[in-house]
C-alpha atoms as a PDB file:
ATOM      1  CA  MET A   1      47.090   5.035  41.990  1.00  0.00           C
ATOM      2  CA  SER A   2      46.724   8.523  43.910  1.00  0.00           C
ATOM      3  CA  LEU A   3      44.424  10.826  42.465  1.00  0.00           C
ATOM      4  CA  LYS A   4      47.251  13.432  41.853  1.00  0.00           C
ATOM      5  CA  GLU A   5      48.890  10.683  40.178  1.00  0.00           C
ATOM      6  CA  GLN A   6      45.909   9.926  37.441  1.00  0.00           C
ATOM      7  CA  ILE A   7      45.589  13.356  36.986  1.00  0.00           C
ATOM      8  CA  THR A   8      48.815  13.764  36.318  1.00  0.00           C
ATOM      9  CA  GLU A   9      49.015  11.328  33.906  1.00  0.00           C
ATOM     10  CA  ASP A  10      45.688  12.804  32.007  1.00  0.00           C
ATOM     11  CA  MET A  11      47.279  15.248  31.524  1.00  0.00           C
ATOM     12  CA  LYS A  12      50.620  13.639  29.451  1.00  0.00           C
ATOM     13  CA  THR A  13      47.785  12.063  27.723  1.00  0.00           C
ATOM     14  CA  ALA A  14      46.112  14.581  26.466  1.00  0.00           C
ATOM     15  CA  MET A  15      49.587  16.308  25.250  1.00  0.00           C
ATOM     16  CA  ARG A  16      50.292  13.437  23.406  1.00  0.00           C
ATOM     17  CA  ALA A  17      46.745  13.486  21.761  1.00  0.00           C
ATOM     18  CA  LYS A  18      46.427  17.110  20.990  1.00  0.00           C
ATOM     19  CA  ASP A  19      43.604  17.774  23.250  1.00  0.00           C
ATOM     20  CA  SER A  20      43.787  21.262  23.639  1.00  0.00           C
ATOM     21  CA  ALA A  21      40.375  21.863  25.305  1.00  0.00           C
ATOM     22  CA  ARG A  22      41.331  18.551  28.211  1.00  0.00           C
ATOM     23  CA  LEU A  23      44.821  19.983  28.522  1.00  0.00           C
ATOM     24  CA  GLY A  24      43.777  23.358  29.441  1.00  0.00           C
ATOM     25  CA  THR A  25      41.297  22.067  32.258  1.00  0.00           C
ATOM     26  CA  ILE A  26      43.399  19.637  33.446  1.00  0.00           C
ATOM     27  CA  ARG A  27      46.154  22.465  33.800  1.00  0.00           C
ATOM     28  CA  LEU A  28      43.745  24.471  35.318  1.00  0.00           C
ATOM     29  CA  LEU A  29      43.378  21.664  38.035  1.00  0.00           C
ATOM     30  CA  MET A  30      46.891  21.339  38.618  1.00  0.00           C
ATOM     31  CA  ALA A  31      47.746  25.112  39.148  1.00  0.00           C
ATOM     32  CA  ALA A  32      45.174  24.940  41.852  1.00  0.00           C
ATOM     33  CA  MET A  33      46.070  22.112  43.364  1.00  0.00           C
ATOM     34  CA  LYS A  34      49.891  23.380  43.561  1.00  0.00           C
ATOM     35  CA  GLN A  35      48.660  26.121  44.210  1.00  0.00           C
ATOM     36  CA  LYS A  36      47.066  24.889  47.958  1.00  0.00           C
ATOM     37  CA  GLU A  37      49.842  22.752  48.167  1.00  0.00           C
ATOM     38  CA  VAL A  38      52.266  25.895  47.999  1.00  0.00           C
ATOM     39  CA  ASP A  39      49.941  28.243  50.521  1.00  0.00           C
ATOM     40  CA  GLU A  40      49.349  26.047  53.037  1.00  0.00           C
ATOM     41  CA  ARG A  41      52.688  23.748  52.340  1.00  0.00           C
ATOM     42  CA  ILE A  42      51.318  20.450  52.646  1.00  0.00           C
ATOM     43  CA  GLU A  43      50.931  17.406  50.301  1.00  0.00           C
ATOM     44  CA  LEU A  44      47.412  16.921  48.944  1.00  0.00           C
ATOM     45  CA  ASP A  45      45.504  13.249  49.927  1.00  0.00           C
ATOM     46  CA  ASP A  46      42.627  12.486  47.711  1.00  0.00           C
ATOM     47  CA  VAL A  47      40.444  13.784  49.885  1.00  0.00           C
ATOM     48  CA  ALA A  48      41.721  17.467  49.446  1.00  0.00           C
ATOM     49  CA  VAL A  49      41.934  16.979  45.489  1.00  0.00           C
ATOM     50  CA  ILE A  50      38.334  15.901  45.440  1.00  0.00           C
ATOM     51  CA  ALA A  51      37.892  19.182  47.704  1.00  0.00           C
ATOM     52  CA  ILE A  52      39.711  21.400  44.735  1.00  0.00           C
ATOM     53  CA  VAL A  53      37.777  19.727  41.883  1.00  0.00           C
ATOM     54  CA  ASP A  54      34.586  20.037  43.762  1.00  0.00           C
ATOM     55  CA  LYS A  55      35.384  23.578  44.451  1.00  0.00           C
ATOM     56  CA  LEU A  56      36.301  23.899  40.700  1.00  0.00           C
ATOM     57  CA  ILE A  57      33.311  22.449  39.587  1.00  0.00           C
ATOM     58  CA  LYS A  58      30.479  24.786  41.541  1.00  0.00           C
ATOM     59  CA  GLN A  59      32.845  28.187  40.011  1.00  0.00           C
ATOM     60  CA  ARG A  60      31.985  26.462  36.694  1.00  0.00           C
ATOM     61  CA  LYS A  61      28.489  25.636  37.145  1.00  0.00           C
ATOM     62  CA  ASP A  62      27.939  28.972  38.375  1.00  0.00           C
ATOM     63  CA  SER A  63      29.893  30.584  35.175  1.00  0.00           C
ATOM     64  CA  VAL A  64      27.303  28.450  33.314  1.00  0.00           C
ATOM     65  CA  ALA A  65      24.377  30.512  34.636  1.00  0.00           C
ATOM     66  CA  ALA A  66      25.905  33.695  33.912  1.00  0.00           C
ATOM     67  CA  TYR A  67      26.306  33.404  30.418  1.00  0.00           C
ATOM     68  CA  LEU A  68      22.982  32.105  29.809  1.00  0.00           C
ATOM     69  CA  SER A  69      21.500  34.292  31.402  1.00  0.00           C
ATOM     70  CA  ALA A  70      23.502  37.039  29.462  1.00  0.00           C
ATOM     71  CA  ASN A  71      22.459  34.792  26.726  1.00  0.00           C
ATOM     72  CA  ARG A  72      26.288  33.814  26.124  1.00  0.00           C
ATOM     73  CA  GLN A  73      25.770  29.936  24.812  1.00  0.00           C
ATOM     74  CA  ASP A  74      29.316  29.745  23.002  1.00  0.00           C
ATOM     75  CA  LEU A  75      30.528  30.777  26.614  1.00  0.00           C
ATOM     76  CA  ALA A  76      28.537  28.393  28.680  1.00  0.00           C
ATOM     77  CA  ASP A  77      29.275  25.378  26.564  1.00  0.00           C
ATOM     78  CA  VAL A  78      32.964  25.635  27.318  1.00  0.00           C
ATOM     79  CA  GLU A  79      32.270  26.108  31.024  1.00  0.00           C
ATOM     80  CA  SER A  80      30.138  22.968  30.691  1.00  0.00           C
ATOM     81  CA  ALA A  81      32.809  20.815  28.593  1.00  0.00           C
ATOM     82  CA  GLU A  82      35.110  21.853  31.671  1.00  0.00           C
ATOM     83  CA  MET A  83      33.049  20.606  33.996  1.00  0.00           C
ATOM     84  CA  LYS A  84      32.623  17.200  32.030  1.00  0.00           C
ATOM     85  CA  VAL A  85      36.507  16.974  32.434  1.00  0.00           C
ATOM     86  CA  LEU A  86      36.697  17.671  36.196  1.00  0.00           C
ATOM     87  CA  GLU A  87      33.738  15.397  36.903  1.00  0.00           C
ATOM     88  CA  VAL A  88      35.895  12.529  36.171  1.00  0.00           C
ATOM     89  CA  TYR A  89      37.902  12.884  39.032  1.00  0.00           C
ATOM     90  CA  LEU A  90      35.328  12.827  41.515  1.00  0.00           C
ATOM     91  CA  PRO A  91      34.069   9.918  43.360  1.00  0.00           C
ATOM     92  CA  GLN A  92      30.542   8.070  42.411  1.00  0.00           C
ATOM     93  CA  ARG A  93      27.886  10.360  43.360  1.00  0.00           C
ATOM     94  CA  LEU A  94      25.186   9.622  46.013  1.00  0.00           C
ATOM     95  CA  SER A  95      21.516   9.436  44.670  1.00  0.00           C
ATOM     96  CA  ALA A  96      18.842  11.448  46.838  1.00  0.00           C
ATOM     97  CA  GLU A  97      17.205   9.009  48.877  1.00  0.00           C
ATOM     98  CA  GLU A  98      21.196   7.780  49.664  1.00  0.00           C
ATOM     99  CA  ILE A  99      21.696  11.420  50.995  1.00  0.00           C
ATOM    100  CA  THR A 100      18.487  11.637  53.027  1.00  0.00           C
ATOM    101  CA  ALA A 101      19.603   8.755  54.666  1.00  0.00           C
ATOM    102  CA  ALA A 102      23.149   9.872  55.722  1.00  0.00           C
ATOM    103  CA  VAL A 103      21.840  12.922  56.701  1.00  0.00           C
ATOM    104  CA  GLN A 104      19.173  11.285  59.081  1.00  0.00           C
ATOM    105  CA  ALA A 105      21.760   9.240  60.456  1.00  0.00           C
ATOM    106  CA  ILE A 106      24.288  12.187  60.975  1.00  0.00           C
ATOM    107  CA  VAL A 107      21.130  13.998  62.664  1.00  0.00           C
ATOM    108  CA  ALA A 108      20.413  11.147  65.158  1.00  0.00           C
ATOM    109  CA  GLN A 109      24.274  11.153  65.636  1.00  0.00           C
ATOM    110  CA  VAL A 110      24.880  14.331  66.755  1.00  0.00           C
ATOM    111  CA  GLY A 111      21.606  14.200  68.473  1.00  0.00           C
ATOM    112  CA  ALA A 112      20.314  17.533  66.814  1.00  0.00           C
ATOM    113  CA  THR A 113      16.904  18.584  67.677  1.00  0.00           C
ATOM    114  CA  GLY A 114      16.187  21.468  65.669  1.00  0.00           C
ATOM    115  CA  PRO A 115      17.285  24.392  63.183  1.00  0.00           C
ATOM    116  CA  GLY A 116      19.574  25.886  65.822  1.00  0.00           C
ATOM    117  CA  ASP A 117      21.773  22.539  65.457  1.00  0.00           C
ATOM    118  CA  MET A 118      22.460  23.103  61.856  1.00  0.00           C
ATOM    119  CA  GLY A 119      26.248  23.714  61.838  1.00  0.00           C
ATOM    120  CA  LYS A 120      26.956  21.357  64.142  1.00  0.00           C
ATOM    121  CA  VAL A 121      25.257  18.976  61.857  1.00  0.00           C
ATOM    122  CA  MET A 122      26.791  20.701  58.475  1.00  0.00           C
ATOM    123  CA  GLY A 123      30.061  20.122  59.781  1.00  0.00           C
ATOM    124  CA  ALA A 124      29.820  16.287  60.315  1.00  0.00           C
ATOM    125  CA  VAL A 125      27.954  15.884  57.549  1.00  0.00           C
ATOM    126  CA  LYS A 126      30.691  17.564  55.233  1.00  0.00           C
ATOM    127  CA  ALA A 127      33.363  14.895  56.952  1.00  0.00           C
ATOM    128  CA  GLN A 128      31.544  12.385  55.518  1.00  0.00           C
ATOM    129  CA  LEU A 129      30.000  13.154  52.303  1.00  0.00           C
ATOM    130  CA  ALA A 130      32.634  15.460  51.200  1.00  0.00           C
ATOM    131  CA  GLY A 131      33.042  14.779  47.238  1.00  0.00           C
ATOM    132  CA  LYS A 132      30.486  11.795  47.067  1.00  0.00           C
ATOM    133  CA  ALA A 133      27.654  14.435  46.774  1.00  0.00           C
ATOM    134  CA  ASP A 134      26.596  17.904  45.969  1.00  0.00           C
ATOM    135  CA  MET A 135      26.707  20.169  49.303  1.00  0.00           C
ATOM    136  CA  GLY A 136      23.835  22.356  47.965  1.00  0.00           C
ATOM    137  CA  TRP A 137      21.581  19.036  47.956  1.00  0.00           C
ATOM    138  CA  VAL A 138      22.987  17.955  51.463  1.00  0.00           C
ATOM    139  CA  SER A 139      22.133  21.338  52.854  1.00  0.00           C
ATOM    140  CA  ALA A 140      18.692  21.294  51.815  1.00  0.00           C
ATOM    141  CA  ALA A 141      18.458  17.689  52.921  1.00  0.00           C
ATOM    142  CA  VAL A 142      20.175  19.068  56.334  1.00  0.00           C
ATOM    143  CA  LYS A 143      17.077  21.487  56.224  1.00  0.00           C
ATOM    144  CA  GLN A 144      14.515  19.255  55.834  1.00  0.00           C
ATOM    145  CA  ALA A 145      15.245  16.927  58.601  1.00  0.00           C
ATOM    146  CA  LEU A 146      16.229  19.476  61.097  1.00  0.00           C
ATOM    147  CA  ASN A 147      12.389  20.992  60.177  1.00  0.00           C
ATOM    148  CA  PRO A 148       9.904  18.317  60.671  1.00  0.00           C
END
């Protein structure tokens, strides 16, 4: 079963269970997926769906930070709950050690020598680690690998 089909099934399950919070989050995800398909006239595969989920989670993290700085714990809790629903659709995340090892292997593979090669390395890293790692951590690992 593809990830897209799994999300559709989870939406039906949430409807049957009358779980409005989960249903609303899944509908947001479905809308984002449909928008991408319509805009680009493509059929989404699992990699594209993971990219959308990752983007929505990043938006939720930013919102939580903004709400907490504005002393709005109630809204931050809602965003955190949505993040938990969305994180189910991501593959197992890599540990910091695994990210560092993967980045060092890619740096050696592309022949990067310094900070000027960051774009080249990040392009290769994104292709290989998309959805498997937090890109903030990946970026920090790339900077560390290119600045000895």
